[in-house]
Amino acid sequence: MKISTVTILTASIVFFMSMVPLVATGQTIPEMLDGQWFSVKASVSGYGDFFLDRADTKGGGSDSGFYIYTTYDAGLDQFSMTACSPLPNSLAYSASTVPSISVNDVYGDLEVKQVWDFFNVYDKTSGFLRFSSKSGDYINVIPILLMTVKVDGSTLKSASFKSLGCIGYWSAGSSNNTRGSCKLSGKTVAFDKVPIGARLACIP
């Protein structure tokens, strides 16, 4: 039986298509931010002592060497941020996870510029980002962040954020000694550049 050239060509195309794996759809920007590490700096400037009802002393400070680990839950449509801080005189890190932020509080979540409103998170949950300074004090921040994402097609190149507005507390011991404005900034860092202590403490 003679087989036509068209039949052979059609069969060849079908066979070839069956051998080529399906190409996964490109990630959305929220998915790109899942499992990302950010190198972070934080500062607070204000007056205290807040709990002693006094405002006669200027206080606060700044510190770096912090990390934030972000995760995205597509099912719940929300992000989590875990703040990672080095413990004084140790290679270990402490972890503090702020209550999840819904994409409803992330304006422009599918765009390369986004506003993350942790003021709304604080209003709903009283949750904030907490870092431990090298002196052993705490830096508690409630920010509104501008997140800027750089992509190459469906691949994340980098991301960074900075605070547009920020309420901060610089706490020594159990007292919120200083209350005032704060600044928070961060940029993505490669996994192998993150200290192992932070990875062990802060990856859920």
N, C-alpha and C. Protein backbone atom coordinates (compact mmCIF):
# COMPACT_ATOMS: atom_id res chain seq x y z
N MET A 1 0.85 -1.19 0.00
CA MET A 1 0.00 0.00 0.00
C MET A 1 0.88 1.24 0.00
N LYS A 2 0.57 2.15 -0.88
CA LYS A 2 1.35 3.36 -1.00
C LYS A 2 0.87 4.41 0.00
N ILE A 3 1.80 4.95 0.76
CA ILE A 3 1.47 5.98 1.76
C ILE A 3 1.86 7.34 1.21
N SER A 4 0.95 8.29 1.28
CA SER A 4 1.21 9.61 0.71
C SER A 4 2.23 10.38 1.55
N THR A 5 2.89 11.31 0.89
CA THR A 5 3.86 12.18 1.57
C THR A 5 3.20 13.00 2.67
N VAL A 6 1.97 13.45 2.43
CA VAL A 6 1.23 14.25 3.42
C VAL A 6 0.99 13.44 4.68
N THR A 7 0.61 12.17 4.52
CA THR A 7 0.35 11.30 5.68
C THR A 7 1.60 11.10 6.50
N ILE A 8 2.73 10.87 5.83
CA ILE A 8 4.01 10.69 6.52
C ILE A 8 4.40 11.96 7.27
N LEU A 9 4.23 13.10 6.61
CA LEU A 9 4.58 14.38 7.24
C LEU A 9 3.71 14.64 8.46
N THR A 10 2.42 14.38 8.34
CA THR A 10 1.50 14.58 9.47
C THR A 10 1.87 13.69 10.64
N ALA A 11 2.16 12.45 10.37
CA ALA A 11 2.53 11.50 11.43
C ALA A 11 3.82 11.93 12.10
N SER A 12 4.77 12.43 11.32
CA SER A 12 6.05 12.88 11.87
C SER A 12 5.86 14.05 12.81
N ILE A 13 4.96 14.99 12.41
CA ILE A 13 4.71 16.16 13.24
C ILE A 13 4.06 15.75 14.56
N VAL A 14 3.08 14.83 14.50
CA VAL A 14 2.41 14.36 15.72
C VAL A 14 3.41 13.68 16.64
N PHE A 15 4.30 12.85 16.09
CA PHE A 15 5.30 12.15 16.89
C PHE A 15 6.25 13.15 17.54
N PHE A 16 6.68 14.14 16.77
CA PHE A 16 7.59 15.15 17.29
C PHE A 16 6.95 15.93 18.43
N MET A 17 5.69 16.32 18.27
CA MET A 17 4.99 17.07 19.29
C MET A 17 4.85 16.26 20.57
N SER A 18 4.68 14.96 20.44
CA SER A 18 4.54 14.11 21.62
C SER A 18 5.83 14.00 22.40
N MET A 19 6.97 14.23 21.72
CA MET A 19 8.28 14.12 22.36
C MET A 19 8.71 15.42 23.02
N VAL A 20 8.07 16.54 22.72
CA VAL A 20 8.47 17.83 23.27
C VAL A 20 7.66 18.11 24.53
N PRO A 21 8.32 18.31 25.69
CA PRO A 21 7.57 18.57 26.91
C PRO A 21 6.84 19.90 26.83
N LEU A 22 5.72 19.97 27.52
CA LEU A 22 4.96 21.21 27.57
C LEU A 22 5.77 22.28 28.28
N VAL A 23 5.74 23.49 27.77
CA VAL A 23 6.46 24.59 28.38
C VAL A 23 5.60 25.20 29.49
N ALA A 24 6.16 25.32 30.70
CA ALA A 24 5.41 25.87 31.83
C ALA A 24 5.10 27.34 31.56
N THR A 25 3.92 27.74 32.01
CA THR A 25 3.57 29.14 31.86
C THR A 25 4.47 30.00 32.73
N GLY A 26 4.69 31.25 32.32
CA GLY A 26 5.56 32.15 33.06
C GLY A 26 5.00 32.49 34.43
N GLN A 27 5.88 32.70 35.37
CA GLN A 27 5.46 33.06 36.72
C GLN A 27 4.91 34.48 36.76
N THR A 28 3.95 34.70 37.63
CA THR A 28 3.50 36.05 37.91
C THR A 28 4.50 36.70 38.86
N ILE A 29 4.42 38.01 39.01
CA ILE A 29 5.34 38.71 39.91
C ILE A 29 5.18 38.25 41.35
N PRO A 30 3.95 38.05 41.87
CA PRO A 30 3.87 37.50 43.23
C PRO A 30 4.60 36.17 43.38
N GLU A 31 4.47 35.30 42.39
CA GLU A 31 5.16 34.01 42.46
C GLU A 31 6.68 34.18 42.40
N MET A 32 7.15 35.20 41.67
CA MET A 32 8.58 35.45 41.58
C MET A 32 9.16 35.84 42.94
N LEU A 33 8.34 36.47 43.79
CA LEU A 33 8.82 36.93 45.09
C LEU A 33 8.75 35.83 46.15
N ASP A 34 8.24 34.67 45.78
CA ASP A 34 8.18 33.55 46.72
C ASP A 34 9.58 32.97 46.92
N GLY A 35 10.01 32.86 48.17
CA GLY A 35 11.33 32.29 48.47
C GLY A 35 12.49 33.21 48.19
N GLN A 36 12.26 34.53 48.22
CA GLN A 36 13.34 35.49 47.97
C GLN A 36 13.93 36.02 49.28
N TRP A 37 15.24 36.23 49.26
CA TRP A 37 15.95 36.83 50.39
C TRP A 37 16.28 38.30 50.08
N PHE A 38 16.11 39.15 51.09
CA PHE A 38 16.46 40.56 50.97
C PHE A 38 17.47 40.90 52.06
N SER A 39 18.51 41.63 51.69
CA SER A 39 19.45 42.22 52.65
C SER A 39 18.87 43.56 53.09
N VAL A 40 18.81 43.80 54.40
CA VAL A 40 17.97 44.89 54.93
C VAL A 40 18.75 45.81 55.88
N LYS A 41 18.39 47.10 55.82
CA LYS A 41 18.84 48.11 56.77
C LYS A 41 17.61 48.73 57.42
N ALA A 42 17.74 49.09 58.71
CA ALA A 42 16.62 49.71 59.42
C ALA A 42 17.13 50.81 60.34
N SER A 43 16.31 51.84 60.53
CA SER A 43 16.68 52.91 61.46
C SER A 43 15.43 53.50 62.08
N VAL A 44 15.59 54.06 63.28
CA VAL A 44 14.50 54.74 63.99
C VAL A 44 15.04 56.05 64.54
N SER A 45 14.26 57.09 64.43
CA SER A 45 14.63 58.38 65.00
C SER A 45 13.41 58.97 65.69
N GLY A 46 13.54 59.27 66.99
CA GLY A 46 12.39 59.80 67.70
C GLY A 46 12.74 60.26 69.10
N TYR A 47 11.73 60.27 69.94
CA TYR A 47 11.90 60.74 71.32
C TYR A 47 11.26 59.74 72.28
N GLY A 48 11.72 59.74 73.50
CA GLY A 48 11.19 58.86 74.54
C GLY A 48 11.44 59.48 75.91
N ASP A 49 11.12 58.79 76.98
CA ASP A 49 10.74 57.38 77.06
C ASP A 49 9.22 57.25 76.88
N PHE A 50 8.79 56.41 75.94
CA PHE A 50 7.39 56.31 75.59
C PHE A 50 6.54 55.82 76.76
N PHE A 51 6.99 54.73 77.44
CA PHE A 51 6.20 54.16 78.53
C PHE A 51 6.23 55.01 79.79
N LEU A 52 7.24 55.87 79.94
CA LEU A 52 7.31 56.75 81.11
C LEU A 52 6.64 58.08 80.85
N ASP A 53 5.97 58.19 79.69
CA ASP A 53 5.23 59.41 79.34
C ASP A 53 6.14 60.63 79.31
N ARG A 54 7.32 60.44 78.74
CA ARG A 54 8.29 61.54 78.64
C ARG A 54 8.75 61.65 77.19
N ALA A 55 9.05 62.86 76.79
CA ALA A 55 9.54 63.11 75.43
C ALA A 55 10.67 64.12 75.47
N ASP A 56 11.54 63.97 76.46
CA ASP A 56 12.62 64.94 76.62
C ASP A 56 13.97 64.42 76.16
N THR A 57 14.01 63.21 75.63
CA THR A 57 15.27 62.62 75.21
C THR A 57 15.16 62.10 73.79
N LYS A 58 16.06 62.56 72.94
CA LYS A 58 16.08 62.04 71.58
C LYS A 58 16.78 60.70 71.57
N GLY A 59 16.23 59.74 70.82
CA GLY A 59 16.82 58.40 70.81
C GLY A 59 16.63 57.71 69.48
N GLY A 60 16.97 56.43 69.48
CA GLY A 60 16.89 55.61 68.27
C GLY A 60 18.26 55.22 67.78
N GLY A 61 18.36 54.90 66.52
CA GLY A 61 19.62 54.48 65.93
C GLY A 61 19.37 53.77 64.62
N SER A 62 20.42 53.21 64.07
CA SER A 62 20.31 52.48 62.80
C SER A 62 21.17 51.23 62.88
N ASP A 63 20.82 50.25 62.07
CA ASP A 63 21.58 49.01 62.06
C ASP A 63 21.36 48.30 60.73
N SER A 64 22.26 47.40 60.40
CA SER A 64 22.18 46.64 59.15
C SER A 64 22.58 45.20 59.45
N GLY A 65 22.76 44.41 58.41
CA GLY A 65 23.08 43.00 58.60
C GLY A 65 21.85 42.15 58.82
N PHE A 66 20.67 42.73 58.58
CA PHE A 66 19.41 42.00 58.71
C PHE A 66 19.04 41.37 57.37
N TYR A 67 18.11 40.42 57.44
CA TYR A 67 17.57 39.79 56.23
C TYR A 67 16.05 39.66 56.37
N ILE A 68 15.38 39.66 55.24
CA ILE A 68 13.96 39.34 55.18
C ILE A 68 13.79 38.21 54.17
N TYR A 69 13.01 37.22 54.56
CA TYR A 69 12.68 36.09 53.67
C TYR A 69 11.20 36.17 53.34
N THR A 70 10.87 36.25 52.04
CA THR A 70 9.48 36.38 51.63
C THR A 70 8.94 35.07 51.09
N THR A 71 7.69 34.80 51.41
CA THR A 71 6.99 33.66 50.82
C THR A 71 5.64 34.14 50.30
N TYR A 72 5.14 33.44 49.30
CA TYR A 72 3.85 33.77 48.71
C TYR A 72 2.99 32.52 48.65
N ASP A 73 1.79 32.62 49.19
CA ASP A 73 0.82 31.53 49.18
C ASP A 73 -0.23 31.84 48.13
N ALA A 74 -0.16 31.16 46.99
CA ALA A 74 -1.07 31.44 45.88
C ALA A 74 -2.50 31.06 46.23
N GLY A 75 -2.67 30.02 47.05
CA GLY A 75 -4.00 29.60 47.42
C GLY A 75 -4.72 30.62 48.27
N LEU A 76 -4.00 31.22 49.23
CA LEU A 76 -4.58 32.24 50.11
C LEU A 76 -4.39 33.65 49.56
N ASP A 77 -3.57 33.76 48.50
CA ASP A 77 -3.30 35.06 47.87
C ASP A 77 -2.73 36.05 48.89
N GLN A 78 -1.64 35.64 49.55
CA GLN A 78 -1.04 36.50 50.56
C GLN A 78 0.47 36.23 50.66
N PHE A 79 1.18 37.25 51.13
CA PHE A 79 2.62 37.17 51.35
C PHE A 79 2.91 37.06 52.85
N SER A 80 4.06 36.49 53.17
CA SER A 80 4.60 36.55 54.52
C SER A 80 6.03 37.07 54.43
N MET A 81 6.42 37.87 55.43
CA MET A 81 7.79 38.36 55.53
C MET A 81 8.37 37.92 56.88
N THR A 82 9.49 37.23 56.84
CA THR A 82 10.17 36.82 58.06
C THR A 82 11.42 37.66 58.23
N ALA A 83 11.50 38.38 59.35
CA ALA A 83 12.66 39.22 59.65
C ALA A 83 13.72 38.37 60.37
N CYS A 84 14.95 38.42 59.87
CA CYS A 84 16.04 37.61 60.41
C CYS A 84 17.12 38.53 60.96
N SER A 85 17.49 38.31 62.22
CA SER A 85 18.46 39.19 62.88
C SER A 85 19.56 38.36 63.53
N PRO A 86 20.83 38.80 63.39
CA PRO A 86 21.92 38.07 64.06
C PRO A 86 21.87 38.28 65.56
N LEU A 87 22.05 37.21 66.32
CA LEU A 87 22.11 37.33 67.77
C LEU A 87 23.47 37.88 68.17
N PRO A 88 23.54 38.73 69.21
CA PRO A 88 24.82 39.32 69.61
C PRO A 88 25.86 38.25 69.95
N ASN A 89 27.08 38.44 69.43
CA ASN A 89 28.20 37.55 69.72
C ASN A 89 27.91 36.10 69.36
N SER A 90 27.23 35.89 68.24
CA SER A 90 26.84 34.53 67.85
C SER A 90 26.70 34.46 66.35
N LEU A 91 26.80 33.24 65.82
CA LEU A 91 26.55 33.01 64.40
C LEU A 91 25.09 32.67 64.15
N ALA A 92 24.32 32.55 65.24
CA ALA A 92 22.91 32.21 65.13
C ALA A 92 22.07 33.44 64.84
N TYR A 93 20.87 33.22 64.33
CA TYR A 93 19.93 34.29 64.00
C TYR A 93 18.60 34.02 64.68
N SER A 94 17.87 35.10 64.93
CA SER A 94 16.50 34.97 65.43
C SER A 94 15.54 35.30 64.31
N ALA A 95 14.35 34.70 64.36
CA ALA A 95 13.34 34.90 63.32
C ALA A 95 12.08 35.51 63.91
N SER A 96 11.49 36.45 63.19
CA SER A 96 10.23 37.06 63.59
C SER A 96 9.39 37.26 62.33
N THR A 97 8.23 36.61 62.28
CA THR A 97 7.38 36.68 61.10
C THR A 97 6.21 37.60 61.34
N VAL A 98 6.07 38.61 60.50
CA VAL A 98 4.94 39.52 60.61
C VAL A 98 3.69 38.79 60.11
N PRO A 99 2.51 39.08 60.68
CA PRO A 99 1.29 38.47 60.14
C PRO A 99 1.19 38.69 58.63
N SER A 100 0.63 37.71 57.95
CA SER A 100 0.59 37.74 56.48
C SER A 100 -0.10 38.98 55.96
N ILE A 101 0.39 39.46 54.80
CA ILE A 101 -0.21 40.62 54.15
C ILE A 101 -0.93 40.15 52.90
N SER A 102 -2.22 40.42 52.84
CA SER A 102 -3.04 40.03 51.70
C SER A 102 -2.66 40.87 50.48
N VAL A 103 -2.87 40.28 49.29
CA VAL A 103 -2.64 41.07 48.08
C VAL A 103 -3.60 42.26 48.00
N ASN A 104 -4.67 42.22 48.80
CA ASN A 104 -5.57 43.37 48.87
C ASN A 104 -4.89 44.59 49.48
N ASP A 105 -3.81 44.34 50.25
CA ASP A 105 -3.02 45.42 50.84
C ASP A 105 -1.70 45.62 50.11
N VAL A 106 -1.55 44.94 48.97
CA VAL A 106 -0.39 45.13 48.10
C VAL A 106 -0.93 45.73 46.81
N TYR A 107 -0.81 47.03 46.67
CA TYR A 107 -1.41 47.72 45.53
C TYR A 107 -0.50 47.61 44.32
N GLY A 108 -1.07 47.05 43.22
CA GLY A 108 -0.26 46.82 42.03
C GLY A 108 0.55 45.55 42.14
N ASP A 109 -0.02 44.49 42.76
CA ASP A 109 0.76 43.28 43.04
C ASP A 109 1.24 42.59 41.77
N LEU A 110 0.60 42.84 40.62
CA LEU A 110 1.03 42.22 39.37
C LEU A 110 1.93 43.14 38.55
N GLU A 111 2.29 44.28 39.12
CA GLU A 111 3.09 45.27 38.40
C GLU A 111 4.51 45.33 38.97
N VAL A 112 5.40 46.00 38.25
CA VAL A 112 6.79 46.06 38.69
C VAL A 112 7.00 47.08 39.81
N LYS A 113 6.05 47.96 40.02
CA LYS A 113 6.08 48.85 41.18
C LYS A 113 4.83 48.58 42.02
N GLN A 114 5.04 48.33 43.32
CA GLN A 114 3.96 47.95 44.20
C GLN A 114 4.08 48.73 45.51
N VAL A 115 2.95 48.93 46.17
CA VAL A 115 2.93 49.52 47.51
C VAL A 115 2.40 48.48 48.48
N TRP A 116 3.22 48.12 49.47
CA TRP A 116 2.83 47.15 50.50
C TRP A 116 2.44 47.94 51.75
N ASP A 117 1.18 47.86 52.15
CA ASP A 117 0.66 48.69 53.24
C ASP A 117 0.58 47.89 54.54
N PHE A 118 1.68 47.93 55.31
CA PHE A 118 1.69 47.24 56.60
C PHE A 118 0.94 48.03 57.68
N PHE A 119 0.56 49.28 57.39
CA PHE A 119 -0.31 50.01 58.31
C PHE A 119 -1.64 49.26 58.45
N ASN A 120 -2.18 48.79 57.32
CA ASN A 120 -3.42 48.03 57.36
C ASN A 120 -3.23 46.71 58.10
N VAL A 121 -2.08 46.05 57.91
CA VAL A 121 -1.80 44.81 58.63
C VAL A 121 -1.78 45.07 60.13
N TYR A 122 -1.13 46.18 60.53
CA TYR A 122 -1.07 46.50 61.96
C TYR A 122 -2.45 46.80 62.51
N ASP A 123 -3.27 47.53 61.76
CA ASP A 123 -4.63 47.83 62.20
C ASP A 123 -5.44 46.56 62.45
N LYS A 124 -5.22 45.54 61.61
CA LYS A 124 -6.01 44.32 61.71
C LYS A 124 -5.45 43.34 62.74
N THR A 125 -4.12 43.33 62.92
CA THR A 125 -3.49 42.25 63.71
C THR A 125 -2.55 42.73 64.81
N SER A 126 -2.22 44.03 64.83
CA SER A 126 -1.19 44.58 65.73
C SER A 126 0.18 43.98 65.44
N GLY A 127 0.37 43.45 64.24
CA GLY A 127 1.65 42.84 63.88
C GLY A 127 2.60 43.82 63.24
N PHE A 128 3.88 43.64 63.47
CA PHE A 128 4.92 44.51 62.93
C PHE A 128 6.17 43.69 62.65
N LEU A 129 7.09 44.26 61.89
CA LEU A 129 8.39 43.63 61.64
C LEU A 129 9.33 43.95 62.80
N ARG A 130 10.00 42.93 63.33
CA ARG A 130 10.91 43.13 64.46
C ARG A 130 12.30 42.64 64.10
N PHE A 131 13.29 43.50 64.34
CA PHE A 131 14.70 43.14 64.18
C PHE A 131 15.42 43.32 65.51
N SER A 132 16.43 42.50 65.74
CA SER A 132 17.27 42.66 66.93
C SER A 132 18.55 43.37 66.52
N SER A 133 18.86 44.48 67.19
CA SER A 133 20.09 45.21 66.86
C SER A 133 21.29 44.50 67.48
N LYS A 134 22.47 44.88 67.03
CA LYS A 134 23.69 44.25 67.54
C LYS A 134 23.88 44.51 69.03
N SER A 135 23.28 45.59 69.53
CA SER A 135 23.39 45.91 70.95
C SER A 135 22.44 45.09 71.81
N GLY A 136 21.56 44.33 71.17
CA GLY A 136 20.58 43.55 71.91
C GLY A 136 19.24 44.23 72.02
N ASP A 137 19.14 45.50 71.56
CA ASP A 137 17.86 46.20 71.56
C ASP A 137 17.00 45.69 70.40
N TYR A 138 15.74 46.10 70.40
CA TYR A 138 14.82 45.72 69.33
C TYR A 138 14.44 46.93 68.50
N ILE A 139 14.30 46.68 67.20
CA ILE A 139 13.79 47.69 66.28
C ILE A 139 12.47 47.16 65.73
N ASN A 140 11.38 47.80 66.11
CA ASN A 140 10.06 47.39 65.65
C ASN A 140 9.57 48.42 64.62
N VAL A 141 9.15 47.95 63.46
CA VAL A 141 8.77 48.88 62.40
C VAL A 141 7.43 48.50 61.79
N ILE A 142 6.64 49.53 61.48
CA ILE A 142 5.36 49.38 60.78
C ILE A 142 5.47 50.25 59.53
N PRO A 143 5.84 49.68 58.40
CA PRO A 143 6.12 50.50 57.22
C PRO A 143 5.04 50.45 56.14
N ILE A 144 5.07 51.43 55.28
CA ILE A 144 4.47 51.33 53.95
C ILE A 144 5.65 51.24 52.98
N LEU A 145 5.73 50.14 52.25
CA LEU A 145 6.90 49.89 51.41
C LEU A 145 6.58 50.10 49.93
N LEU A 146 7.54 50.67 49.23
CA LEU A 146 7.51 50.70 47.78
C LEU A 146 8.41 49.58 47.29
N MET A 147 7.82 48.56 46.68
CA MET A 147 8.57 47.43 46.14
C MET A 147 8.77 47.65 44.64
N THR A 148 10.01 47.56 44.20
CA THR A 148 10.33 47.69 42.78
C THR A 148 10.93 46.38 42.29
N VAL A 149 10.33 45.81 41.27
CA VAL A 149 10.74 44.50 40.75
C VAL A 149 11.29 44.67 39.35
N LYS A 150 12.44 44.07 39.09
CA LYS A 150 13.01 44.06 37.75
C LYS A 150 12.93 42.65 37.19
N VAL A 151 12.37 42.54 35.97
CA VAL A 151 12.17 41.22 35.38
C VAL A 151 12.80 41.17 33.99
N ASP A 152 13.09 39.95 33.58
CA ASP A 152 13.51 39.68 32.21
C ASP A 152 12.54 38.64 31.67
N GLY A 153 11.50 39.12 30.99
CA GLY A 153 10.44 38.21 30.57
C GLY A 153 9.68 37.71 31.78
N SER A 154 9.70 36.40 32.00
CA SER A 154 9.05 35.81 33.17
C SER A 154 10.04 35.41 34.24
N THR A 155 11.26 35.99 34.18
CA THR A 155 12.30 35.67 35.17
C THR A 155 12.61 36.90 36.00
N LEU A 156 12.70 36.71 37.32
CA LEU A 156 13.06 37.80 38.21
C LEU A 156 14.54 38.11 38.11
N LYS A 157 14.89 39.36 37.86
CA LYS A 157 16.28 39.78 37.87
C LYS A 157 16.68 40.26 39.26
N SER A 158 15.84 41.12 39.86
CA SER A 158 16.11 41.63 41.20
C SER A 158 14.86 42.32 41.71
N ALA A 159 14.85 42.59 42.99
CA ALA A 159 13.77 43.36 43.60
C ALA A 159 14.36 44.16 44.76
N SER A 160 13.74 45.29 45.04
CA SER A 160 14.19 46.12 46.15
C SER A 160 12.98 46.83 46.73
N PHE A 161 13.13 47.28 47.98
CA PHE A 161 12.05 48.05 48.59
C PHE A 161 12.63 49.16 49.46
N LYS A 162 11.82 50.18 49.68
CA LYS A 162 12.16 51.26 50.61
C LYS A 162 10.86 51.77 51.23
N SER A 163 10.98 52.30 52.43
CA SER A 163 9.78 52.77 53.12
C SER A 163 9.36 54.14 52.58
N LEU A 164 8.05 54.26 52.33
CA LEU A 164 7.47 55.55 51.97
C LEU A 164 7.03 56.29 53.22
N GLY A 165 6.61 55.53 54.20
CA GLY A 165 6.23 56.03 55.52
C GLY A 165 6.50 54.92 56.50
N CYS A 166 6.79 55.26 57.75
CA CYS A 166 7.20 54.21 58.69
C CYS A 166 7.09 54.72 60.12
N ILE A 167 6.40 53.97 60.97
CA ILE A 167 6.37 54.22 62.41
C ILE A 167 7.30 53.21 63.07
N GLY A 168 8.20 53.68 63.92
CA GLY A 168 9.19 52.79 64.52
C GLY A 168 9.31 52.93 66.02
N TYR A 169 9.75 51.86 66.64
CA TYR A 169 10.03 51.81 68.08
C TYR A 169 11.43 51.24 68.26
N TRP A 170 12.24 51.95 69.02
CA TRP A 170 13.55 51.42 69.40
C TRP A 170 13.44 51.00 70.86
N SER A 171 13.49 49.69 71.09
CA SER A 171 13.17 49.15 72.41
C SER A 171 14.41 48.58 73.07
N ALA A 172 14.67 49.01 74.29
CA ALA A 172 15.75 48.47 75.11
C ALA A 172 15.11 47.68 76.24
N GLY A 173 15.42 46.38 76.30
CA GLY A 173 14.79 45.55 77.32
C GLY A 173 13.31 45.41 77.04
N SER A 174 12.49 45.63 78.04
CA SER A 174 11.05 45.48 77.89
C SER A 174 10.35 46.80 77.63
N SER A 175 11.12 47.89 77.50
CA SER A 175 10.51 49.22 77.34
C SER A 175 10.68 49.72 75.91
N ASN A 176 9.62 50.36 75.41
CA ASN A 176 9.71 51.05 74.13
C ASN A 176 10.28 52.44 74.40
N ASN A 177 11.60 52.54 74.49
CA ASN A 177 12.22 53.79 74.92
C ASN A 177 12.01 54.93 73.93
N THR A 178 12.01 54.60 72.64
CA THR A 178 11.91 55.65 71.63
C THR A 178 10.81 55.30 70.64
N ARG A 179 9.99 56.30 70.36
CA ARG A 179 8.97 56.14 69.34
C ARG A 179 9.13 57.28 68.34
N GLY A 180 9.07 56.96 67.05
CA GLY A 180 9.24 58.01 66.06
C GLY A 180 9.13 57.48 64.65
N SER A 181 9.80 58.15 63.75
CA SER A 181 9.79 57.72 62.35
C SER A 181 10.90 56.71 62.12
N CYS A 182 10.76 55.93 61.07
CA CYS A 182 11.78 54.93 60.77
C CYS A 182 12.00 54.84 59.26
N LYS A 183 13.07 54.18 58.90
CA LYS A 183 13.37 53.89 57.51
C LYS A 183 13.71 52.42 57.40
N LEU A 184 13.24 51.81 56.32
CA LEU A 184 13.52 50.41 56.07
C LEU A 184 13.81 50.26 54.58
N SER A 185 14.90 49.60 54.26
CA SER A 185 15.25 49.37 52.85
C SER A 185 15.86 47.99 52.70
N GLY A 186 15.68 47.43 51.52
CA GLY A 186 16.23 46.11 51.28
C GLY A 186 16.35 45.82 49.80
N LYS A 187 17.20 44.87 49.46
CA LYS A 187 17.34 44.43 48.07
C LYS A 187 17.63 42.94 48.06
N THR A 188 17.21 42.28 46.98
CA THR A 188 17.38 40.84 46.90
C THR A 188 18.85 40.47 46.92
N VAL A 189 19.11 39.32 47.53
CA VAL A 189 20.47 38.80 47.64
C VAL A 189 20.42 37.32 47.31
N ALA A 190 21.46 36.81 46.66
CA ALA A 190 21.50 35.40 46.27
C ALA A 190 21.50 34.50 47.50
N PHE A 191 20.87 33.35 47.36
CA PHE A 191 20.74 32.40 48.47
C PHE A 191 22.10 32.06 49.08
N ASP A 192 23.12 31.85 48.23
CA ASP A 192 24.42 31.45 48.76
C ASP A 192 25.17 32.58 49.45
N LYS A 193 24.62 33.81 49.38
CA LYS A 193 25.21 34.94 50.09
C LYS A 193 24.57 35.16 51.47
N VAL A 194 23.51 34.42 51.74
CA VAL A 194 22.80 34.54 53.02
C VAL A 194 23.50 33.66 54.06
N PRO A 195 23.84 34.20 55.23
CA PRO A 195 24.51 33.39 56.25
C PRO A 195 23.69 32.14 56.59
N ILE A 196 24.39 31.06 56.84
CA ILE A 196 23.70 29.79 57.11
C ILE A 196 22.82 29.89 58.36
N GLY A 197 23.23 30.72 59.33
CA GLY A 197 22.42 30.90 60.52
C GLY A 197 21.06 31.48 60.20
N ALA A 198 21.03 32.43 59.25
CA ALA A 198 19.76 33.01 58.85
C ALA A 198 18.90 32.00 58.11
N ARG A 199 19.53 31.21 57.25
CA ARG A 199 18.77 30.19 56.52
C ARG A 199 18.13 29.18 57.47
N LEU A 200 18.91 28.75 58.45
CA LEU A 200 18.40 27.73 59.40
C LEU A 200 17.26 28.28 60.25
N ALA A 201 17.36 29.56 60.63
CA ALA A 201 16.36 30.14 61.53
C ALA A 201 15.11 30.63 60.83
N CYS A 202 15.25 31.05 59.59
CA CYS A 202 14.19 31.86 59.00
C CYS A 202 13.44 31.22 57.84
N ILE A 203 13.89 30.10 57.32
CA ILE A 203 13.12 29.40 56.30
C ILE A 203 12.11 28.51 57.01
N PRO A 204 10.81 28.72 56.77
CA PRO A 204 9.78 27.93 57.48
C PRO A 204 9.96 26.44 57.25
